[in-house]
Amino acid sequence: MKNAVKEKRSDSHDRTDPAKNERRDSRVRFYDRNSLEDMDWPNTEDARDARAYLEPMMLQGTRDFIINVNATLLIARIDDLVLPLTVNDAEY
């Protein structure tokens, strides 16, 4: 039984889609307030909601929305997924 499990584990093939692998370096992009206009927002409901919420906060700064937070807001786009990132150097 143990040999069958080891054999099964060692029989792992790379099942990555070659088309996705070719553009791997372009799959993850980061945007800040200066590059936000270059962002190509995905055409999904989640991305539209994220844009409506994050874009004003990025352009105006976090302090206008959350009085006790002074952070840099970035966006990470991974394929069609949009994630907010906050960078804070001083206030913990």
C-alpha atoms as a PDB file:
ATOM      1  CA  MET A   1       0.000   0.000   0.000  1.00  0.00           C
ATOM      2  CA  LYS A   2       2.772   2.470   0.873  1.00  0.00           C
ATOM      3  CA  ASN A   3       4.501   1.873  -2.442  1.00  0.00           C
ATOM      4  CA  ALA A   4       1.307   2.683  -4.331  1.00  0.00           C
ATOM      5  CA  VAL A   5       1.029   6.006  -2.500  1.00  0.00           C
ATOM      6  CA  LYS A   6       4.659   6.871  -3.212  1.00  0.00           C
ATOM      7  CA  GLU A   7       4.214   5.875  -6.815  1.00  0.00           C
ATOM      8  CA  LYS A   8       1.153   8.062  -7.143  1.00  0.00           C
ATOM      9  CA  ARG A   9       2.934  11.061  -5.607  1.00  0.00           C
ATOM     10  CA  SER A  10       5.978  10.678  -7.809  1.00  0.00           C
ATOM     11  CA  ASP A  11       3.735  10.547 -10.867  1.00  0.00           C
ATOM     12  CA  SER A  12       2.922  14.250 -10.625  1.00  0.00           C
ATOM     13  CA  HIS A  13       3.035  15.940 -13.992  1.00  0.00           C
ATOM     14  CA  ASP A  14       2.994  19.643 -14.626  1.00  0.00           C
ATOM     15  CA  ARG A  15      -0.594  20.330 -15.549  1.00  0.00           C
ATOM     16  CA  THR A  16      -0.109  24.076 -15.947  1.00  0.00           C
ATOM     17  CA  ASP A  17      -1.806  25.481 -18.999  1.00  0.00           C
ATOM     18  CA  PRO A  18       1.076  26.396 -21.347  1.00  0.00           C
ATOM     19  CA  ALA A  19      -0.769  29.507 -22.557  1.00  0.00           C
ATOM     20  CA  LYS A  20      -1.016  30.806 -18.986  1.00  0.00           C
ATOM     21  CA  ASN A  21       2.589  29.884 -18.295  1.00  0.00           C
ATOM     22  CA  GLU A  22       3.788  31.973 -21.252  1.00  0.00           C
ATOM     23  CA  ARG A  23       2.219  35.112 -19.825  1.00  0.00           C
ATOM     24  CA  ARG A  24       3.040  34.361 -16.194  1.00  0.00           C
ATOM     25  CA  ASP A  25       5.017  37.589 -15.719  1.00  0.00           C
ATOM     26  CA  SER A  26       2.060  39.686 -16.855  1.00  0.00           C
ATOM     27  CA  ARG A  27      -0.465  37.955 -14.596  1.00  0.00           C
ATOM     28  CA  VAL A  28       0.384  39.980 -11.483  1.00  0.00           C
ATOM     29  CA  ARG A  29       0.423  43.751 -11.699  1.00  0.00           C
ATOM     30  CA  PHE A  30       0.653  46.411  -8.983  1.00  0.00           C
ATOM     31  CA  TYR A  31      -0.841  49.886  -9.232  1.00  0.00           C
ATOM     32  CA  ASP A  32      -0.484  52.993  -7.099  1.00  0.00           C
ATOM     33  CA  ARG A  33      -2.150  56.395  -7.371  1.00  0.00           C
ATOM     34  CA  ASN A  34       0.260  57.404 -10.165  1.00  0.00           C
ATOM     35  CA  SER A  35      -0.349  54.348 -12.328  1.00  0.00           C
ATOM     36  CA  LEU A  36      -4.044  53.850 -11.559  1.00  0.00           C
ATOM     37  CA  GLU A  37      -5.095  55.381 -14.881  1.00  0.00           C
ATOM     38  CA  ASP A  38      -3.128  52.638 -16.677  1.00  0.00           C
ATOM     39  CA  MET A  39      -5.086  49.880 -14.960  1.00  0.00           C
ATOM     40  CA  ASP A  40      -7.319  47.792 -17.182  1.00  0.00           C
ATOM     41  CA  TRP A  41     -10.111  46.875 -14.776  1.00  0.00           C
ATOM     42  CA  PRO A  42     -11.606  43.414 -15.272  1.00  0.00           C
ATOM     43  CA  ASN A  43     -15.180  43.333 -16.502  1.00  0.00           C
ATOM     44  CA  THR A  44     -16.623  41.591 -13.447  1.00  0.00           C
ATOM     45  CA  GLU A  45     -19.084  42.673 -10.791  1.00  0.00           C
ATOM     46  CA  ASP A  46     -16.438  42.320  -8.070  1.00  0.00           C
ATOM     47  CA  ALA A  47     -14.006  44.488 -10.022  1.00  0.00           C
ATOM     48  CA  ARG A  48     -16.644  47.178 -10.581  1.00  0.00           C
ATOM     49  CA  ASP A  49     -17.389  47.211  -6.843  1.00  0.00           C
ATOM     50  CA  ALA A  50     -13.674  47.330  -6.023  1.00  0.00           C
ATOM     51  CA  ARG A  51     -13.142  50.208  -8.436  1.00  0.00           C
ATOM     52  CA  ALA A  52     -16.018  52.236  -6.989  1.00  0.00           C
ATOM     53  CA  TYR A  53     -14.619  51.774  -3.482  1.00  0.00           C
ATOM     54  CA  LEU A  54     -10.851  51.872  -4.037  1.00  0.00           C
ATOM     55  CA  GLU A  55     -10.324  54.431  -6.777  1.00  0.00           C
ATOM     56  CA  PRO A  56     -11.510  57.484  -4.762  1.00  0.00           C
ATOM     57  CA  MET A  57      -9.548  56.329  -1.733  1.00  0.00           C
ATOM     58  CA  MET A  58      -6.382  55.917  -3.788  1.00  0.00           C
ATOM     59  CA  LEU A  59      -6.725  59.312  -5.466  1.00  0.00           C
ATOM     60  CA  GLN A  60      -7.718  61.304  -2.363  1.00  0.00           C
ATOM     61  CA  GLY A  61      -5.753  59.383   0.256  1.00  0.00           C
ATOM     62  CA  THR A  62      -6.938  57.190   3.096  1.00  0.00           C
ATOM     63  CA  ARG A  63      -7.222  60.027   5.631  1.00  0.00           C
ATOM     64  CA  ASP A  64     -10.269  61.488   3.847  1.00  0.00           C
ATOM     65  CA  PHE A  65     -12.112  58.216   4.409  1.00  0.00           C
ATOM     66  CA  ILE A  66     -10.639  56.830   7.632  1.00  0.00           C
ATOM     67  CA  ILE A  67      -9.485  59.652   9.903  1.00  0.00           C
ATOM     68  CA  ASN A  68      -6.993  57.637  11.955  1.00  0.00           C
ATOM     69  CA  VAL A  69      -5.348  55.791   9.053  1.00  0.00           C
ATOM     70  CA  ASN A  70      -2.505  57.250   7.050  1.00  0.00           C
ATOM     71  CA  ALA A  71      -1.458  54.491   4.691  1.00  0.00           C
ATOM     72  CA  THR A  72      -0.527  54.090   1.068  1.00  0.00           C
ATOM     73  CA  LEU A  73      -3.152  52.149  -0.828  1.00  0.00           C
ATOM     74  CA  LEU A  74      -2.049  49.913  -3.692  1.00  0.00           C
ATOM     75  CA  ILE A  75      -3.939  47.537  -5.937  1.00  0.00           C
ATOM     76  CA  ALA A  76      -2.711  44.117  -6.960  1.00  0.00           C
ATOM     77  CA  ARG A  77      -4.359  42.666 -10.035  1.00  0.00           C
ATOM     78  CA  ILE A  78      -3.903  38.944 -10.513  1.00  0.00           C
ATOM     79  CA  ASP A  79      -5.654  37.905 -13.711  1.00  0.00           C
ATOM     80  CA  ASP A  80      -9.252  39.061 -13.057  1.00  0.00           C
ATOM     81  CA  LEU A  81      -8.819  39.344  -9.295  1.00  0.00           C
ATOM     82  CA  VAL A  82      -8.397  42.840  -7.794  1.00  0.00           C
ATOM     83  CA  LEU A  83      -6.944  43.036  -4.273  1.00  0.00           C
ATOM     84  CA  PRO A  84      -6.288  46.125  -2.138  1.00  0.00           C
ATOM     85  CA  LEU A  85      -2.934  46.381  -0.383  1.00  0.00           C
ATOM     86  CA  THR A  86      -2.088  48.854   2.347  1.00  0.00           C
ATOM     87  CA  VAL A  87       1.428  49.956   3.144  1.00  0.00           C
ATOM     88  CA  ASN A  88       1.987  51.645   6.470  1.00  0.00           C
ATOM     89  CA  ASP A  89       5.440  52.582   7.680  1.00  0.00           C
ATOM     90  CA  ALA A  90       4.802  54.470  10.895  1.00  0.00           C
ATOM     91  CA  GLU A  91       1.492  53.753  12.561  1.00  0.00           C
ATOM     92  CA  TYR A  92       1.105  50.266  13.909  1.00  0.00           C
END
